[in-house]
Amino acid sequence: MNLNRFLYFGDFIACPLAIAGLLLAVLAQGDLTALGMWCLAFVAGCMAWTLVEYAVHRWVYHAVPYFDKMHDAHHQEPKGMIGAPSFFSVALIFAIFYLPLYFASHVFAGGFTSGILLGYTAYMLVHHASHHWALKPGGLLYRLRLKHMVHHFRGEEGNYGVITSFWDHVFATYIEPQRRRAS
């Protein structure tokens, strides 16, 4: 769906605020063991995000008819501000990850969810930069953009990961960007 600037960019504010709140909650306990658990869960959440991103992009956005139709609008207008309304994704992340984990350990739930939120923020940044920024060759964002543009313009299904190609390699959906030859 086409979004206004507030609904398009709002998660860039909501995610860091949520992460800060979850971190402050564990810091307020003054327990180094809890902080250590939070940090380990945070790293696990960051790593888990990469699989979540791949799975949603491949098996939801490109396979489930309702979402496929909405995602196709992005493929038709890659520079448009198209997506889920801001704050919806953050609420969904809390519902899927934080709430179920909270009952096992609120510290682990906070760290893991914060890692997922950081991964989601990185995904949004890389995806937005890939479509809207003039990136200079050679940098990380430029290389990620080349890989993502293969997904959009090569006519092949693949390169579903935006911030990493790890799962594309695991599931054999990686497509190598073509290198330009010097004339």
C-alpha atoms as a PDB file:
ATOM      1  CA  MET A   1       0.000   0.000   0.000  1.00  0.00           C
ATOM      2  CA  ASN A   2       1.217   3.542  -0.715  1.00  0.00           C
ATOM      3  CA  LEU A   3       2.198   5.286   2.490  1.00  0.00           C
ATOM      4  CA  ASN A   4       2.769   8.855   3.574  1.00  0.00           C
ATOM      5  CA  ARG A   5       6.203   9.830   4.931  1.00  0.00           C
ATOM      6  CA  PHE A   6       5.170   9.345   8.568  1.00  0.00           C
ATOM      7  CA  LEU A   7       3.864   5.824   7.997  1.00  0.00           C
ATOM      8  CA  TYR A   8       6.827   4.950   5.737  1.00  0.00           C
ATOM      9  CA  PHE A   9       9.617   6.188   8.045  1.00  0.00           C
ATOM     10  CA  GLY A  10       7.974   5.781  11.461  1.00  0.00           C
ATOM     11  CA  ASP A  11       9.605   2.435  12.227  1.00  0.00           C
ATOM     12  CA  PHE A  12      13.017   4.128  12.046  1.00  0.00           C
ATOM     13  CA  ILE A  13      11.920   5.889  15.237  1.00  0.00           C
ATOM     14  CA  ALA A  14       9.740   3.174  16.794  1.00  0.00           C
ATOM     15  CA  CYS A  15      12.323   0.353  16.554  1.00  0.00           C
ATOM     16  CA  PRO A  16      15.206   2.168  18.298  1.00  0.00           C
ATOM     17  CA  LEU A  17      12.814   3.431  20.978  1.00  0.00           C
ATOM     18  CA  ALA A  18      11.500  -0.100  21.576  1.00  0.00           C
ATOM     19  CA  ILE A  19      15.050  -1.490  21.751  1.00  0.00           C
ATOM     20  CA  ALA A  20      16.065   1.266  24.185  1.00  0.00           C
ATOM     21  CA  GLY A  21      13.017   0.546  26.353  1.00  0.00           C
ATOM     22  CA  LEU A  22      13.712  -3.182  26.442  1.00  0.00           C
ATOM     23  CA  LEU A  23      17.380  -2.554  27.286  1.00  0.00           C
ATOM     24  CA  LEU A  24      16.516  -0.034  30.000  1.00  0.00           C
ATOM     25  CA  ALA A  25      14.124  -2.557  31.546  1.00  0.00           C
ATOM     26  CA  VAL A  26      16.957  -5.053  32.042  1.00  0.00           C
ATOM     27  CA  LEU A  27      19.468  -2.386  33.102  1.00  0.00           C
ATOM     28  CA  ALA A  28      17.039  -1.213  35.786  1.00  0.00           C
ATOM     29  CA  GLN A  29      17.337  -4.644  37.405  1.00  0.00           C
ATOM     30  CA  GLY A  30      21.029  -4.012  38.099  1.00  0.00           C
ATOM     31  CA  ASP A  31      21.747  -7.703  37.503  1.00  0.00           C
ATOM     32  CA  LEU A  32      24.843  -8.448  35.392  1.00  0.00           C
ATOM     33  CA  THR A  33      23.704 -12.025  34.760  1.00  0.00           C
ATOM     34  CA  ALA A  34      20.416 -10.752  33.363  1.00  0.00           C
ATOM     35  CA  LEU A  35      22.276  -8.215  31.220  1.00  0.00           C
ATOM     36  CA  GLY A  36      24.521 -11.005  29.894  1.00  0.00           C
ATOM     37  CA  MET A  37      21.483 -13.124  29.042  1.00  0.00           C
ATOM     38  CA  TRP A  38      19.860 -10.111  27.340  1.00  0.00           C
ATOM     39  CA  CYS A  39      22.998  -9.543  25.233  1.00  0.00           C
ATOM     40  CA  LEU A  40      23.202 -13.207  24.170  1.00  0.00           C
ATOM     41  CA  ALA A  41      19.499 -13.174  23.302  1.00  0.00           C
ATOM     42  CA  PHE A  42      20.055  -9.938  21.369  1.00  0.00           C
ATOM     43  CA  VAL A  43      22.733 -11.593  19.206  1.00  0.00           C
ATOM     44  CA  ALA A  44      20.474 -14.628  18.703  1.00  0.00           C
ATOM     45  CA  GLY A  45      17.639 -12.303  17.642  1.00  0.00           C
ATOM     46  CA  CYS A  46      19.872 -10.511  15.141  1.00  0.00           C
ATOM     47  CA  MET A  47      20.840 -13.840  13.608  1.00  0.00           C
ATOM     48  CA  ALA A  48      17.257 -15.124  13.655  1.00  0.00           C
ATOM     49  CA  TRP A  49      16.113 -11.988  11.836  1.00  0.00           C
ATOM     50  CA  THR A  50      18.052 -13.027   8.734  1.00  0.00           C
ATOM     51  CA  LEU A  51      15.988 -16.227   8.437  1.00  0.00           C
ATOM     52  CA  VAL A  52      12.743 -14.384   9.221  1.00  0.00           C
ATOM     53  CA  GLU A  53      13.514 -11.818   6.505  1.00  0.00           C
ATOM     54  CA  TYR A  54      14.303 -14.517   3.947  1.00  0.00           C
ATOM     55  CA  ALA A  55      11.256 -16.629   4.844  1.00  0.00           C
ATOM     56  CA  VAL A  56       8.788 -13.746   4.757  1.00  0.00           C
ATOM     57  CA  HIS A  57      10.160 -12.427   1.471  1.00  0.00           C
ATOM     58  CA  ARG A  58      10.257 -15.804  -0.248  1.00  0.00           C
ATOM     59  CA  TRP A  59       7.351 -17.771   1.205  1.00  0.00           C
ATOM     60  CA  VAL A  60       4.930 -14.963   2.046  1.00  0.00           C
ATOM     61  CA  TYR A  61       5.567 -12.010  -0.296  1.00  0.00           C
ATOM     62  CA  HIS A  62       6.223 -14.235  -3.323  1.00  0.00           C
ATOM     63  CA  ALA A  63       3.874 -17.138  -2.595  1.00  0.00           C
ATOM     64  CA  VAL A  64       0.772 -16.134  -0.614  1.00  0.00           C
ATOM     65  CA  PRO A  65      -1.683 -14.562  -3.111  1.00  0.00           C
ATOM     66  CA  TYR A  66      -2.838 -11.624  -0.952  1.00  0.00           C
ATOM     67  CA  PHE A  67       0.714 -10.614   0.020  1.00  0.00           C
ATOM     68  CA  ASP A  68       2.096 -11.454  -3.417  1.00  0.00           C
ATOM     69  CA  LYS A  69      -0.291  -8.928  -4.957  1.00  0.00           C
ATOM     70  CA  MET A  70       0.716  -6.241  -2.469  1.00  0.00           C
ATOM     71  CA  HIS A  71       4.429  -7.011  -2.877  1.00  0.00           C
ATOM     72  CA  ASP A  72       4.056  -6.956  -6.651  1.00  0.00           C
ATOM     73  CA  ALA A  73       3.067  -3.283  -6.328  1.00  0.00           C
ATOM     74  CA  HIS A  74       6.561  -2.690  -4.911  1.00  0.00           C
ATOM     75  CA  HIS A  75       8.114  -4.533  -7.853  1.00  0.00           C
ATOM     76  CA  GLN A  76       6.071  -2.403 -10.259  1.00  0.00           C
ATOM     77  CA  GLU A  77       7.022   0.852  -8.499  1.00  0.00           C
ATOM     78  CA  PRO A  78      10.331   0.193  -6.683  1.00  0.00           C
ATOM     79  CA  LYS A  79      10.895   3.871  -5.828  1.00  0.00           C
ATOM     80  CA  GLY A  80       7.440   4.273  -4.298  1.00  0.00           C
ATOM     81  CA  MET A  81       6.836   4.446  -0.562  1.00  0.00           C
ATOM     82  CA  ILE A  82       5.019   1.124  -0.534  1.00  0.00           C
ATOM     83  CA  GLY A  83       4.791  -1.256   2.368  1.00  0.00           C
ATOM     84  CA  ALA A  84       3.017  -2.119   5.574  1.00  0.00           C
ATOM     85  CA  PRO A  85       2.044   0.891   7.652  1.00  0.00           C
ATOM     86  CA  SER A  86       4.692   1.906  10.123  1.00  0.00           C
ATOM     87  CA  PHE A  87       4.247   0.578  13.650  1.00  0.00           C
ATOM     88  CA  PHE A  88       2.263  -2.418  12.320  1.00  0.00           C
ATOM     89  CA  SER A  89       5.505  -4.360  11.835  1.00  0.00           C
ATOM     90  CA  VAL A  90       6.773  -3.441  15.305  1.00  0.00           C
ATOM     91  CA  ALA A  91       3.482  -4.551  16.867  1.00  0.00           C
ATOM     92  CA  LEU A  92       3.605  -7.794  14.852  1.00  0.00           C
ATOM     93  CA  ILE A  93       7.192  -8.449  15.965  1.00  0.00           C
ATOM     94  CA  PHE A  94       6.151  -7.990  19.604  1.00  0.00           C
ATOM     95  CA  ALA A  95       3.148 -10.273  19.138  1.00  0.00           C
ATOM     96  CA  ILE A  96       5.140 -13.047  17.435  1.00  0.00           C
ATOM     97  CA  PHE A  97       8.394 -12.917  19.414  1.00  0.00           C
ATOM     98  CA  TYR A  98       8.146 -10.954  22.650  1.00  0.00           C
ATOM     99  CA  LEU A  99       4.822 -12.142  24.040  1.00  0.00           C
ATOM    100  CA  PRO A 100       5.408 -15.916  23.718  1.00  0.00           C
ATOM    101  CA  LEU A 101       9.005 -15.659  24.987  1.00  0.00           C
ATOM    102  CA  TYR A 102       8.036 -13.356  27.869  1.00  0.00           C
ATOM    103  CA  PHE A 103       6.411 -16.229  29.734  1.00  0.00           C
ATOM    104  CA  ALA A 104       9.667 -18.201  29.641  1.00  0.00           C
ATOM    105  CA  SER A 105      11.955 -15.255  30.477  1.00  0.00           C
ATOM    106  CA  HIS A 106      11.217 -11.569  30.156  1.00  0.00           C
ATOM    107  CA  VAL A 107      14.963 -10.865  29.949  1.00  0.00           C
ATOM    108  CA  PHE A 108      15.481 -13.296  27.071  1.00  0.00           C
ATOM    109  CA  ALA A 109      12.285 -12.046  25.395  1.00  0.00           C
ATOM    110  CA  GLY A 110      13.508  -8.449  25.569  1.00  0.00           C
ATOM    111  CA  GLY A 111      16.958  -9.233  24.195  1.00  0.00           C
ATOM    112  CA  PHE A 112      15.745 -11.536  21.439  1.00  0.00           C
ATOM    113  CA  THR A 113      13.005  -9.139  20.353  1.00  0.00           C
ATOM    114  CA  SER A 114      15.507  -6.271  20.361  1.00  0.00           C
ATOM    115  CA  GLY A 115      17.768  -8.280  18.045  1.00  0.00           C
ATOM    116  CA  ILE A 116      14.831  -8.947  15.723  1.00  0.00           C
ATOM    117  CA  LEU A 117      13.968  -5.226  15.792  1.00  0.00           C
ATOM    118  CA  LEU A 118      17.561  -4.241  14.983  1.00  0.00           C
ATOM    119  CA  GLY A 119      17.577  -6.715  12.093  1.00  0.00           C
ATOM    120  CA  TYR A 120      14.295  -5.310  10.838  1.00  0.00           C
ATOM    121  CA  THR A 121      15.691  -1.768  11.063  1.00  0.00           C
ATOM    122  CA  ALA A 122      18.791  -2.839   9.122  1.00  0.00           C
ATOM    123  CA  TYR A 123      16.555  -4.464   6.512  1.00  0.00           C
ATOM    124  CA  MET A 124      14.471  -1.293   6.147  1.00  0.00           C
ATOM    125  CA  LEU A 125      17.602   0.854   5.842  1.00  0.00           C
ATOM    126  CA  VAL A 126      19.280  -1.362   3.241  1.00  0.00           C
ATOM    127  CA  HIS A 127      16.071  -1.812   1.278  1.00  0.00           C
ATOM    128  CA  HIS A 128      15.310   1.915   1.267  1.00  0.00           C
ATOM    129  CA  ALA A 129      18.910   2.787   0.332  1.00  0.00           C
ATOM    130  CA  SER A 130      18.830   0.216  -2.490  1.00  0.00           C
ATOM    131  CA  HIS A 131      15.871   1.957  -4.099  1.00  0.00           C
ATOM    132  CA  HIS A 132      16.264   5.613  -3.150  1.00  0.00           C
ATOM    133  CA  TRP A 133      19.911   6.555  -2.578  1.00  0.00           C
ATOM    134  CA  ALA A 134      22.662   7.201  -5.105  1.00  0.00           C
ATOM    135  CA  LEU A 135      25.232   4.752  -3.780  1.00  0.00           C
ATOM    136  CA  LYS A 136      28.882   4.869  -4.720  1.00  0.00           C
ATOM    137  CA  PRO A 137      30.429   1.696  -6.140  1.00  0.00           C
ATOM    138  CA  GLY A 138      32.563  -0.361  -3.818  1.00  0.00           C
ATOM    139  CA  GLY A 139      30.737   0.111  -0.522  1.00  0.00           C
ATOM    140  CA  LEU A 140      28.695  -2.474   1.368  1.00  0.00           C
ATOM    141  CA  LEU A 141      25.367  -0.763   0.641  1.00  0.00           C
ATOM    142  CA  TYR A 142      26.244  -0.654  -3.053  1.00  0.00           C
ATOM    143  CA  ARG A 143      27.029  -4.395  -3.110  1.00  0.00           C
ATOM    144  CA  LEU A 144      23.783  -5.170  -1.272  1.00  0.00           C
ATOM    145  CA  ARG A 145      21.928  -2.959  -3.748  1.00  0.00           C
ATOM    146  CA  LEU A 146      23.389  -4.852  -6.737  1.00  0.00           C
ATOM    147  CA  LYS A 147      22.258  -8.133  -5.223  1.00  0.00           C
ATOM    148  CA  HIS A 148      18.783  -6.790  -4.527  1.00  0.00           C
ATOM    149  CA  MET A 149      18.430  -5.299  -8.001  1.00  0.00           C
ATOM    150  CA  VAL A 150      18.985  -8.788  -9.429  1.00  0.00           C
ATOM    151  CA  HIS A 151      15.885  -9.796  -7.466  1.00  0.00           C
ATOM    152  CA  HIS A 152      13.903  -6.975  -9.053  1.00  0.00           C
ATOM    153  CA  PHE A 153      15.126  -6.839 -12.620  1.00  0.00           C
ATOM    154  CA  ARG A 154      16.712 -10.155 -13.681  1.00  0.00           C
ATOM    155  CA  GLY A 155      13.431 -11.995 -14.220  1.00  0.00           C
ATOM    156  CA  GLU A 156      14.521 -14.913 -12.033  1.00  0.00           C
ATOM    157  CA  GLU A 157      13.221 -15.888  -8.603  1.00  0.00           C
ATOM    158  CA  GLY A 158      15.960 -15.473  -6.036  1.00  0.00           C
ATOM    159  CA  ASN A 159      18.022 -13.140  -3.856  1.00  0.00           C
ATOM    160  CA  TYR A 160      15.286 -12.930  -1.235  1.00  0.00           C
ATOM    161  CA  GLY A 161      17.666 -11.866   1.516  1.00  0.00           C
ATOM    162  CA  VAL A 162      18.256  -8.121   1.593  1.00  0.00           C
ATOM    163  CA  ILE A 163      20.786  -7.710   4.407  1.00  0.00           C
ATOM    164  CA  THR A 164      22.543 -11.027   3.820  1.00  0.00           C
ATOM    165  CA  SER A 165      22.657 -13.658   1.110  1.00  0.00           C
ATOM    166  CA  PHE A 166      23.381 -16.444   3.625  1.00  0.00           C
ATOM    167  CA  TRP A 167      19.931 -18.075   3.356  1.00  0.00           C
ATOM    168  CA  ASP A 168      19.884 -17.623  -0.417  1.00  0.00           C
ATOM    169  CA  HIS A 169      23.018 -19.777  -0.494  1.00  0.00           C
ATOM    170  CA  VAL A 170      21.529 -22.314   1.956  1.00  0.00           C
ATOM    171  CA  PHE A 171      18.299 -22.659  -0.076  1.00  0.00           C
ATOM    172  CA  ALA A 172      20.036 -22.369  -3.483  1.00  0.00           C
ATOM    173  CA  THR A 173      18.209 -19.163  -4.479  1.00  0.00           C
ATOM    174  CA  TYR A 174      21.286 -16.947  -4.763  1.00  0.00           C
ATOM    175  CA  ILE A 175      21.778 -15.270  -8.135  1.00  0.00           C
ATOM    176  CA  GLU A 176      25.157 -13.690  -8.771  1.00  0.00           C
ATOM    177  CA  PRO A 177      24.957 -10.049  -9.899  1.00  0.00           C
ATOM    178  CA  GLN A 178      26.523  -9.587 -13.317  1.00  0.00           C
ATOM    179  CA  ARG A 179      29.739  -7.666 -13.232  1.00  0.00           C
ATOM    180  CA  ARG A 180      30.269  -4.854 -15.681  1.00  0.00           C
ATOM    181  CA  ARG A 181      33.155  -5.333 -18.031  1.00  0.00           C
ATOM    182  CA  ALA A 182      35.584  -2.510 -18.658  1.00  0.00           C
ATOM    183  CA  SER A 183      35.458  -1.293 -22.247  1.00  0.00           C
END
